[in-house]
Amino acid sequence: MASYVPPGKKEGVVEDAGAQVHRIRITLTSRNVKNLEKVCADLKKGATDKKLNVSGPVRLPTKKLKITTRKAPSGEGTNTWDCFEMRIHKRLIDLHAPSDVVKQITSISIEPGVEVDVTINDR
């Protein structure tokens, strides 16, 4: 009696557990947009060279951290205020690839001030 073989699969072929394709989300965070965009371009170029399924970079809303403070240290004089702002930019890149290929892609030189977070989903 013949066993069922799903379409696109060959009978008798056993897949490696290490070659399992994962959904990988790379989150990049930085205060400097130029460095962040350079790292995004390098990651995307490396992934497309390996013929991987890539989506992104998705630009998330910029977080603006504001601090408003008085200019006068003693509190005397006219009420003048300083406003300081730090902007945090965030990008998402999604890949469909085996985990060993992702290690090769993320081994690029990362610009200073750019934080990289790699999350693997197996759903």
Foldseek 3Di string as FASTA:
>chain_A
DDDDDDPPDDPPDDDDPQFAWWKKKKKKKFQDPVLRVVLVVLLVVLCVVVVWDKDDFDWDDKDKDKDKDFPDPVPDDDGDIDIDIGIMTMTMMITTGGPVSVVVSVVDDGDPGMDMDMDIDDD
